[in-house]
Amino acid sequence: KIKSPLTTRFKIMAHLDISERRLPQDGRIRLKFSGRDIDFR
């Protein structure tokens, strides 16, 4: 039941097109964790 909303959440965080589900997409997330700057591809 959380398949779609969890996928959508990560796509929002990576600034991807949530309406596009047929093609691969690439994005980036930048977060802070315990004072460390971390990127996610």
All heavy atoms as atom14 arrays in JSON, in Angstrom:
{
  "sequence": "KIKSPLTTRFKIMAHLDISERRLPQDGRIRLKFSGRDIDFR",
  "atom14_mask": [
    [1, 1, 1, 1, 1, 1, 1, 1, 1, 0, 0, 0, 0, 0],
    [1, 1, 1, 1, 1, 1, 1, 1, 0, 0, 0, 0, 0, 0],
    [1, 1, 1, 1, 1, 1, 1, 1, 1, 0, 0, 0, 0, 0],
    [1, 1, 1, 1, 1, 1, 0, 0, 0, 0, 0, 0, 0, 0],
    [1, 1, 1, 1, 1, 1, 1, 0, 0, 0, 0, 0, 0, 0],
    [1, 1, 1, 1, 1, 1, 1, 1, 0, 0, 0, 0, 0, 0],
    [1, 1, 1, 1, 1, 1, 1, 0, 0, 0, 0, 0, 0, 0],
    [1, 1, 1, 1, 1, 1, 1, 0, 0, 0, 0, 0, 0, 0],
    [1, 1, 1, 1, 1, 1, 1, 1, 1, 1, 1, 0, 0, 0],
    [1, 1, 1, 1, 1, 1, 1, 1, 1, 1, 1, 0, 0, 0],
    [1, 1, 1, 1, 1, 1, 1, 1, 1, 0, 0, 0, 0, 0],
    [1, 1, 1, 1, 1, 1, 1, 1, 0, 0, 0, 0, 0, 0],
    [1, 1, 1, 1, 1, 1, 1, 1, 0, 0, 0, 0, 0, 0],
    [1, 1, 1, 1, 1, 0, 0, 0, 0, 0, 0, 0, 0, 0],
    [1, 1, 1, 1, 1, 1, 1, 1, 1, 1, 0, 0, 0, 0],
    [1, 1, 1, 1, 1, 1, 1, 1, 0, 0, 0, 0, 0, 0],
    [1, 1, 1, 1, 1, 1, 1, 1, 0, 0, 0, 0, 0, 0],
    [1, 1, 1, 1, 1, 1, 1, 1, 0, 0, 0, 0, 0, 0],
    [1, 1, 1, 1, 1, 1, 0, 0, 0, 0, 0, 0, 0, 0],
    [1, 1, 1, 1, 1, 1, 1, 1, 1, 0, 0, 0, 0, 0],
    [1, 1, 1, 1, 1, 1, 1, 1, 1, 1, 1, 0, 0, 0],
    [1, 1, 1, 1, 1, 1, 1, 1, 1, 1, 1, 0, 0, 0],
    [1, 1, 1, 1, 1, 1, 1, 1, 0, 0, 0, 0, 0, 0],
    [1, 1, 1, 1, 1, 1, 1, 0, 0, 0, 0, 0, 0, 0],
    [1, 1, 1, 1, 1, 1, 1, 1, 1, 0, 0, 0, 0, 0],
    [1, 1, 1, 1, 1, 1, 1, 1, 0, 0, 0, 0, 0, 0],
    [1, 1, 1, 1, 0, 0, 0, 0, 0, 0, 0, 0, 0, 0],
    [1, 1, 1, 1, 1, 1, 1, 1, 1, 1, 1, 0, 0, 0],
    [1, 1, 1, 1, 1, 1, 1, 1, 0, 0, 0, 0, 0, 0],
    [1, 1, 1, 1, 1, 1, 1, 1, 1, 1, 1, 0, 0, 0],
    [1, 1, 1, 1, 1, 1, 1, 1, 0, 0, 0, 0, 0, 0],
    [1, 1, 1, 1, 1, 1, 1, 1, 1, 0, 0, 0, 0, 0],
    [1, 1, 1, 1, 1, 1, 1, 1, 1, 1, 1, 0, 0, 0],
    [1, 1, 1, 1, 1, 1, 0, 0, 0, 0, 0, 0, 0, 0],
    [1, 1, 1, 1, 0, 0, 0, 0, 0, 0, 0, 0, 0, 0],
    [1, 1, 1, 1, 1, 1, 1, 1, 1, 1, 1, 0, 0, 0],
    [1, 1, 1, 1, 1, 1, 1, 1, 0, 0, 0, 0, 0, 0],
    [1, 1, 1, 1, 1, 1, 1, 1, 0, 0, 0, 0, 0, 0],
    [1, 1, 1, 1, 1, 1, 1, 1, 0, 0, 0, 0, 0, 0],
    [1, 1, 1, 1, 1, 1, 1, 1, 1, 1, 1, 0, 0, 0],
    [1, 1, 1, 1, 1, 1, 1, 1, 1, 1, 1, 0, 0, 0]
  ],
  "atom14_positions": [
    [[0.81, -1.22, 0.0], [0.0, 0.0, 0.0], [0.85, 1.27, 0.0], [0.37, 2.33, -0.39], [-0.94, 0.01, 1.21], [-2.07, -0.99, 1.1], [-3.09, -0.79, 2.21], [-4.27, -1.74, 2.03], [-5.29, -1.55, 3.09], [0.0, 0.0, 0.0], [0.0, 0.0, 0.0], [0.0, 0.0, 0.0], [0.0, 0.0, 0.0], [0.0, 0.0, 0.0]],
    [[2.1, 1.16, 0.47], [2.93, 2.38, 0.5], [3.84, 2.49, -0.71], [4.65, 3.4, -0.8], [3.77, 2.44, 1.79], [4.82, 1.33, 1.79], [2.91, 2.36, 3.02], [5.87, 1.53, 2.84], [0.0, 0.0, 0.0], [0.0, 0.0, 0.0], [0.0, 0.0, 0.0], [0.0, 0.0, 0.0], [0.0, 0.0, 0.0], [0.0, 0.0, 0.0]],
    [[3.7, 1.54, -1.65], [4.57, 1.52, -2.82], [4.55, 2.84, -3.58], [5.57, 3.48, -3.81], [4.12, 0.38, -3.74], [5.06, 0.08, -4.89], [4.46, -0.95, -5.84], [4.12, -2.25, -5.15], [3.58, -3.26, -6.09], [0.0, 0.0, 0.0], [0.0, 0.0, 0.0], [0.0, 0.0, 0.0], [0.0, 0.0, 0.0], [0.0, 0.0, 0.0]],
    [[3.35, 3.29, -3.95], [3.23, 4.52, -4.74], [3.6, 5.78, -3.95], [4.4, 6.59, -4.42], [1.8, 4.63, -5.29], [1.65, 5.84, -6.01], [0.0, 0.0, 0.0], [0.0, 0.0, 0.0], [0.0, 0.0, 0.0], [0.0, 0.0, 0.0], [0.0, 0.0, 0.0], [0.0, 0.0, 0.0], [0.0, 0.0, 0.0], [0.0, 0.0, 0.0]],
    [[3.07, 5.97, -2.73], [3.44, 7.18, -2.0], [4.91, 7.26, -1.62], [5.5, 8.34, -1.63], [2.55, 7.15, -0.75], [1.94, 5.82, -0.69], [1.96, 5.25, -2.06], [0.0, 0.0, 0.0], [0.0, 0.0, 0.0], [0.0, 0.0, 0.0], [0.0, 0.0, 0.0], [0.0, 0.0, 0.0], [0.0, 0.0, 0.0], [0.0, 0.0, 0.0]],
    [[5.54, 6.11, -1.32], [6.96, 6.14, -0.97], [7.81, 6.51, -2.19], [8.74, 7.32, -2.09], [7.4, 4.77, -0.42], [8.82, 4.69, 0.12], [9.01, 5.64, 1.3], [9.17, 3.26, 0.54], [0.0, 0.0, 0.0], [0.0, 0.0, 0.0], [0.0, 0.0, 0.0], [0.0, 0.0, 0.0], [0.0, 0.0, 0.0], [0.0, 0.0, 0.0]],
    [[7.46, 5.92, -3.34], [8.16, 6.27, -4.58], [7.99, 7.75, -4.88], [8.95, 8.45, -5.23], [7.61, 5.43, -5.76], [7.83, 4.05, -5.49], [8.28, 5.81, -7.06], [0.0, 0.0, 0.0], [0.0, 0.0, 0.0], [0.0, 0.0, 0.0], [0.0, 0.0, 0.0], [0.0, 0.0, 0.0], [0.0, 0.0, 0.0], [0.0, 0.0, 0.0]],
    [[6.76, 8.24, -4.75], [6.49, 9.65, -5.01], [7.29, 10.55, -4.08], [7.82, 11.59, -4.5], [4.98, 9.94, -4.85], [4.26, 9.1, -5.75], [4.66, 11.39, -5.15], [0.0, 0.0, 0.0], [0.0, 0.0, 0.0], [0.0, 0.0, 0.0], [0.0, 0.0, 0.0], [0.0, 0.0, 0.0], [0.0, 0.0, 0.0], [0.0, 0.0, 0.0]],
    [[7.4, 10.15, -2.81], [8.14, 10.97, -1.85], [9.6, 11.12, -2.26], [10.15, 12.23, -2.26], [8.06, 10.35, -0.45], [8.83, 11.13, 0.61], [8.3, 12.55, 0.72], [9.21, 13.4, 1.48], [9.16, 14.72, 1.48], [8.27, 15.35, 0.74], [9.99, 15.43, 2.2], [0.0, 0.0, 0.0], [0.0, 0.0, 0.0], [0.0, 0.0, 0.0]],
    [[10.25, 10.03, -2.64], [11.65, 10.11, -3.05], [11.8, 10.92, -4.34], [12.79, 11.64, -4.51], [12.24, 8.7, -3.23], [12.63, 8.04, -1.94], [12.03, 6.86, -1.54], [13.59, 8.61, -1.12], [12.39, 6.25, -0.34], [13.95, 8.01, 0.08], [13.36, 6.83, 0.47], [0.0, 0.0, 0.0], [0.0, 0.0, 0.0], [0.0, 0.0, 0.0]],
    [[10.83, 10.8, -5.24], [10.91, 11.57, -6.48], [10.75, 13.07, -6.22], [11.39, 13.9, -6.87], [9.85, 11.07, -7.49], [10.19, 9.69, -8.03], [9.06, 9.09, -8.85], [9.02, 9.64, -10.24], [8.04, 8.92, -11.08], [0.0, 0.0, 0.0], [0.0, 0.0, 0.0], [0.0, 0.0, 0.0], [0.0, 0.0, 0.0], [0.0, 0.0, 0.0]],
    [[9.89, 13.41, -5.26], [9.74, 14.82, -4.88], [11.05, 15.35, -4.31], [11.52, 16.44, -4.66], [8.61, 15.0, -3.84], [7.25, 14.77, -4.5], [8.65, 16.39, -3.21], [6.11, 14.66, -3.51], [0.0, 0.0, 0.0], [0.0, 0.0, 0.0], [0.0, 0.0, 0.0], [0.0, 0.0, 0.0], [0.0, 0.0, 0.0], [0.0, 0.0, 0.0]],
    [[11.66, 14.57, -3.42], [12.92, 15.0, -2.81], [14.02, 15.2, -3.85], [14.88, 16.07, -3.69], [13.36, 13.97, -1.77], [12.45, 13.87, -0.56], [12.88, 12.48, 0.53], [14.37, 13.1, 1.3], [0.0, 0.0, 0.0], [0.0, 0.0, 0.0], [0.0, 0.0, 0.0], [0.0, 0.0, 0.0], [0.0, 0.0, 0.0], [0.0, 0.0, 0.0]],
    [[13.99, 14.4, -4.92], [15.01, 14.48, -5.98], [14.61, 15.42, -7.1], [15.32, 15.52, -8.11], [15.29, 13.09, -6.53], [0.0, 0.0, 0.0], [0.0, 0.0, 0.0], [0.0, 0.0, 0.0], [0.0, 0.0, 0.0], [0.0, 0.0, 0.0], [0.0, 0.0, 0.0], [0.0, 0.0, 0.0], [0.0, 0.0, 0.0], [0.0, 0.0, 0.0]],
    [[13.46, 16.12, -6.94], [12.96, 17.07, -7.95], [12.74, 16.4, -9.31], [13.09, 16.95, -10.36], [13.92, 18.27, -8.09], [14.17, 18.99, -6.8], [13.25, 19.83, -6.23], [15.24, 18.97, -5.96], [13.76, 20.32, -5.09], [14.94, 19.8, -4.91], [0.0, 0.0, 0.0], [0.0, 0.0, 0.0], [0.0, 0.0, 0.0], [0.0, 0.0, 0.0]],
    [[12.17, 15.2, -9.28], [11.87, 14.48, -10.51], [10.4, 14.65, -10.85], [9.58, 15.09, -10.04], [12.19, 12.99, -10.34], [13.65, 12.65, -10.03], [13.82, 11.15, -9.84], [14.58, 13.14, -11.13], [0.0, 0.0, 0.0], [0.0, 0.0, 0.0], [0.0, 0.0, 0.0], [0.0, 0.0, 0.0], [0.0, 0.0, 0.0], [0.0, 0.0, 0.0]],
    [[10.04, 14.28, -12.08], [8.66, 14.38, -12.56], [7.87, 13.18, -12.02], [8.06, 12.05, -12.47], [8.66, 14.38, -14.09], [7.25, 14.52, -14.67], [6.27, 14.58, -13.89], [7.13, 14.58, -15.91], [0.0, 0.0, 0.0], [0.0, 0.0, 0.0], [0.0, 0.0, 0.0], [0.0, 0.0, 0.0], [0.0, 0.0, 0.0], [0.0, 0.0, 0.0]],
    [[6.98, 13.44, -11.06], [6.24, 12.33, -10.44], [5.18, 11.75, -11.36], [4.67, 10.65, -11.13], [5.6, 12.75, -9.1], [4.55, 13.84, -9.32], [6.64, 13.2, -8.1], [3.7, 14.12, -8.11], [0.0, 0.0, 0.0], [0.0, 0.0, 0.0], [0.0, 0.0, 0.0], [0.0, 0.0, 0.0], [0.0, 0.0, 0.0], [0.0, 0.0, 0.0]],
    [[4.81, 12.49, -12.42], [3.79, 11.98, -13.35], [4.4, 11.04, -14.4], [3.68, 10.32, -15.07], [3.08, 13.14, -14.04], [3.97, 13.85, -14.87], [0.0, 0.0, 0.0], [0.0, 0.0, 0.0], [0.0, 0.0, 0.0], [0.0, 0.0, 0.0], [0.0, 0.0, 0.0], [0.0, 0.0, 0.0], [0.0, 0.0, 0.0], [0.0, 0.0, 0.0]],
    [[5.73, 11.06, -14.53], [6.4, 10.21, -15.51], [6.83, 8.91, -14.85], [7.75, 8.89, -14.02], [7.62, 10.93, -16.1], [8.39, 10.1, -17.13], [7.5, 9.61, -18.26], [7.16, 10.41, -19.15], [7.11, 8.4, -18.21], [0.0, 0.0, 0.0], [0.0, 0.0, 0.0], [0.0, 0.0, 0.0], [0.0, 0.0, 0.0], [0.0, 0.0, 0.0]],
    [[6.13, 7.82, -15.23], [6.44, 6.53, -14.62], [6.89, 5.5, -15.65], [7.15, 4.36, -15.32], [5.2, 5.99, -13.9], [4.73, 6.9, -12.78], [3.45, 6.38, -12.17], [2.98, 7.28, -11.1], [1.87, 7.12, -10.44], [1.09, 6.08, -10.72], [1.51, 7.97, -9.5], [0.0, 0.0, 0.0], [0.0, 0.0, 0.0], [0.0, 0.0, 0.0]],
    [[6.98, 5.93, -16.91], [7.32, 4.97, -17.98], [8.78, 5.0, -18.35], [9.29, 4.06, -18.95], [6.48, 5.29, -19.22], [4.97, 5.22, -19.0], [4.26, 5.94, -20.14], [4.65, 7.35, -20.2], [4.36, 8.16, -21.2], [3.67, 7.71, -22.23], [4.76, 9.41, -21.18], [0.0, 0.0, 0.0], [0.0, 0.0, 0.0], [0.0, 0.0, 0.0]],
    [[9.48, 6.1, -18.02], [10.88, 6.27, -18.42], [11.78, 6.41, -17.2], [11.36, 6.92, -16.17], [11.02, 7.52, -19.3], [10.29, 7.5, -20.65], [10.38, 8.87, -21.3], [10.88, 6.43, -21.56], [0.0, 0.0, 0.0], [0.0, 0.0, 0.0], [0.0, 0.0, 0.0], [0.0, 0.0, 0.0], [0.0, 0.0, 0.0], [0.0, 0.0, 0.0]],
    [[13.04, 5.99, -17.33], [14.0, 6.19, -16.23], [14.26, 7.69, -16.01], [14.19, 8.48, -16.97], [15.28, 5.49, -16.72], [14.84, 4.6, -17.83], [13.64, 5.25, -18.45], [0.0, 0.0, 0.0], [0.0, 0.0, 0.0], [0.0, 0.0, 0.0], [0.0, 0.0, 0.0], [0.0, 0.0, 0.0], [0.0, 0.0, 0.0], [0.0, 0.0, 0.0]],
    [[14.55, 8.06, -14.78], [14.89, 9.44, -14.47], [16.08, 9.48, -13.52], [16.32, 8.53, -12.78], [13.71, 10.16, -13.79], [12.48, 10.32, -14.66], [11.42, 11.17, -13.97], [11.6, 12.37, -13.78], [10.32, 10.55, -13.58], [0.0, 0.0, 0.0], [0.0, 0.0, 0.0], [0.0, 0.0, 0.0], [0.0, 0.0, 0.0], [0.0, 0.0, 0.0]],
    [[16.82, 10.57, -13.57], [17.95, 10.77, -12.68], [17.81, 12.1, -11.97], [17.41, 13.1, -12.6], [19.28, 10.74, -13.44], [19.56, 9.37, -14.04], [19.63, 8.4, -13.28], [19.7, 9.28, -15.29], [0.0, 0.0, 0.0], [0.0, 0.0, 0.0], [0.0, 0.0, 0.0], [0.0, 0.0, 0.0], [0.0, 0.0, 0.0], [0.0, 0.0, 0.0]],
    [[18.12, 12.12, -10.7], [18.03, 13.36, -9.93], [19.03, 13.35, -8.79], [19.87, 12.46, -8.67], [0.0, 0.0, 0.0], [0.0, 0.0, 0.0], [0.0, 0.0, 0.0], [0.0, 0.0, 0.0], [0.0, 0.0, 0.0], [0.0, 0.0, 0.0], [0.0, 0.0, 0.0], [0.0, 0.0, 0.0], [0.0, 0.0, 0.0], [0.0, 0.0, 0.0]],
    [[18.9, 14.35, -7.93], [19.85, 14.5, -6.82], [19.12, 15.03, -5.6], [18.21, 15.84, -5.71], [20.96, 15.48, -7.23], [22.35, 15.02, -6.83], [23.4, 15.96, -7.39], [24.72, 15.62, -6.89], [25.61, 14.91, -7.53], [25.31, 14.43, -8.72], [26.8, 14.64, -7.0], [0.0, 0.0, 0.0], [0.0, 0.0, 0.0], [0.0, 0.0, 0.0]],
    [[19.53, 14.57, -4.43], [19.01, 15.06, -3.15], [20.19, 15.56, -2.34], [21.24, 14.9, -2.28], [18.28, 13.95, -2.36], [17.1, 13.37, -3.15], [17.79, 14.48, -1.01], [16.48, 12.14, -2.51], [0.0, 0.0, 0.0], [0.0, 0.0, 0.0], [0.0, 0.0, 0.0], [0.0, 0.0, 0.0], [0.0, 0.0, 0.0], [0.0, 0.0, 0.0]],
    [[20.03, 16.73, -1.75], [21.08, 17.25, -0.86], [20.49, 17.4, 0.54], [19.5, 18.1, 0.72], [21.61, 18.59, -1.36], [22.51, 18.46, -2.57], [23.09, 19.8, -3.0], [24.1, 19.62, -4.01], [23.85, 19.53, -5.32], [22.6, 19.61, -5.72], [24.82, 19.37, -6.19], [0.0, 0.0, 0.0], [0.0, 0.0, 0.0], [0.0, 0.0, 0.0]],
    [[21.11, 16.74, 1.51], [20.62, 16.75, 2.89], [21.74, 17.07, 3.87], [22.91, 17.01, 3.53], [20.03, 15.38, 3.26], [18.95, 14.78, 2.37], [18.55, 13.42, 2.9], [17.74, 15.69, 2.32], [0.0, 0.0, 0.0], [0.0, 0.0, 0.0], [0.0, 0.0, 0.0], [0.0, 0.0, 0.0], [0.0, 0.0, 0.0], [0.0, 0.0, 0.0]],
    [[21.3, 17.41, 5.09], [22.25, 17.56, 6.19], [21.95, 16.48, 7.21], [20.81, 16.22, 7.53], [22.07, 18.94, 6.85], [23.24, 19.88, 6.62], [23.1, 21.1, 7.5], [23.97, 22.25, 7.04], [25.34, 21.86, 6.8], [0.0, 0.0, 0.0], [0.0, 0.0, 0.0], [0.0, 0.0, 0.0], [0.0, 0.0, 0.0], [0.0, 0.0, 0.0]],
    [[22.99, 15.84, 7.71], [22.82, 14.8, 8.71], [23.93, 14.94, 9.74], [25.11, 14.8, 9.42], [22.87, 13.41, 8.06], [22.79, 12.26, 9.02], [21.58, 11.88, 9.56], [23.93, 11.56, 9.39], [21.5, 10.83, 10.44], [23.86, 10.51, 10.28], [22.64, 10.14, 10.81], [0.0, 0.0, 0.0], [0.0, 0.0, 0.0], [0.0, 0.0, 0.0]],
    [[23.54, 15.25, 10.98], [24.52, 15.43, 12.06], [25.64, 16.38, 11.67], [26.82, 16.11, 11.91], [25.11, 14.07, 12.47], [24.1, 13.24, 13.0], [0.0, 0.0, 0.0], [0.0, 0.0, 0.0], [0.0, 0.0, 0.0], [0.0, 0.0, 0.0], [0.0, 0.0, 0.0], [0.0, 0.0, 0.0], [0.0, 0.0, 0.0], [0.0, 0.0, 0.0]],
    [[25.27, 17.47, 11.01], [26.24, 18.48, 10.64], [27.03, 18.17, 9.38], [27.89, 18.95, 8.96], [0.0, 0.0, 0.0], [0.0, 0.0, 0.0], [0.0, 0.0, 0.0], [0.0, 0.0, 0.0], [0.0, 0.0, 0.0], [0.0, 0.0, 0.0], [0.0, 0.0, 0.0], [0.0, 0.0, 0.0], [0.0, 0.0, 0.0], [0.0, 0.0, 0.0]],
    [[26.75, 17.0, 8.76], [27.48, 16.62, 7.54], [26.61, 16.89, 6.32], [25.43, 16.6, 6.3], [27.81, 15.12, 7.58], [28.78, 14.73, 8.66], [28.44, 13.39, 9.31], [28.22, 12.31, 8.36], [27.66, 11.15, 8.68], [27.22, 10.94, 9.92], [27.48, 10.22, 7.77], [0.0, 0.0, 0.0], [0.0, 0.0, 0.0], [0.0, 0.0, 0.0]],
    [[27.22, 17.46, 5.27], [26.53, 17.67, 4.0], [26.64, 16.39, 3.18], [27.75, 15.92, 2.9], [27.14, 18.84, 3.22], [26.86, 20.17, 3.9], [25.72, 20.36, 4.35], [27.78, 21.0, 3.98], [0.0, 0.0, 0.0], [0.0, 0.0, 0.0], [0.0, 0.0, 0.0], [0.0, 0.0, 0.0], [0.0, 0.0, 0.0], [0.0, 0.0, 0.0]],
    [[25.49, 15.85, 2.78], [25.49, 14.58, 2.06], [24.65, 14.71, 0.79], [23.55, 15.24, 0.82], [24.95, 13.44, 2.95], [25.82, 13.3, 4.2], [24.92, 12.12, 2.18], [25.28, 12.34, 5.22], [0.0, 0.0, 0.0], [0.0, 0.0, 0.0], [0.0, 0.0, 0.0], [0.0, 0.0, 0.0], [0.0, 0.0, 0.0], [0.0, 0.0, 0.0]],
    [[25.18, 14.23, -0.33], [24.46, 14.18, -1.59], [23.99, 12.76, -1.86], [24.67, 11.79, -1.49], [25.36, 14.63, -2.75], [25.46, 16.14, -2.85], [24.97, 16.81, -1.93], [26.04, 16.63, -3.83], [0.0, 0.0, 0.0], [0.0, 0.0, 0.0], [0.0, 0.0, 0.0], [0.0, 0.0, 0.0], [0.0, 0.0, 0.0], [0.0, 0.0, 0.0]],
    [[22.84, 12.66, -2.51], [22.32, 11.36, -2.94], [22.06, 11.45, -4.44], [21.34, 12.33, -4.9], [21.01, 11.02, -2.24], [21.13, 10.88, -0.74], [21.17, 12.0, 0.07], [21.21, 9.64, -0.14], [21.28, 11.89, 1.44], [21.32, 9.52, 1.23], [21.35, 10.65, 2.03], [0.0, 0.0, 0.0], [0.0, 0.0, 0.0], [0.0, 0.0, 0.0]],
    [[22.69, 10.55, -5.2], [22.39, 10.47, -6.63], [21.24, 9.49, -6.79], [21.33, 8.32, -6.38], [23.63, 9.99, -7.39], [23.56, 10.26, -8.88], [24.86, 9.89, -9.55], [24.99, 8.45, -9.71], [26.12, 7.78, -9.58], [27.21, 8.41, -9.24], [26.16, 6.48, -9.76], [0.0, 0.0, 0.0], [0.0, 0.0, 0.0], [0.0, 0.0, 0.0]]
  ]
}
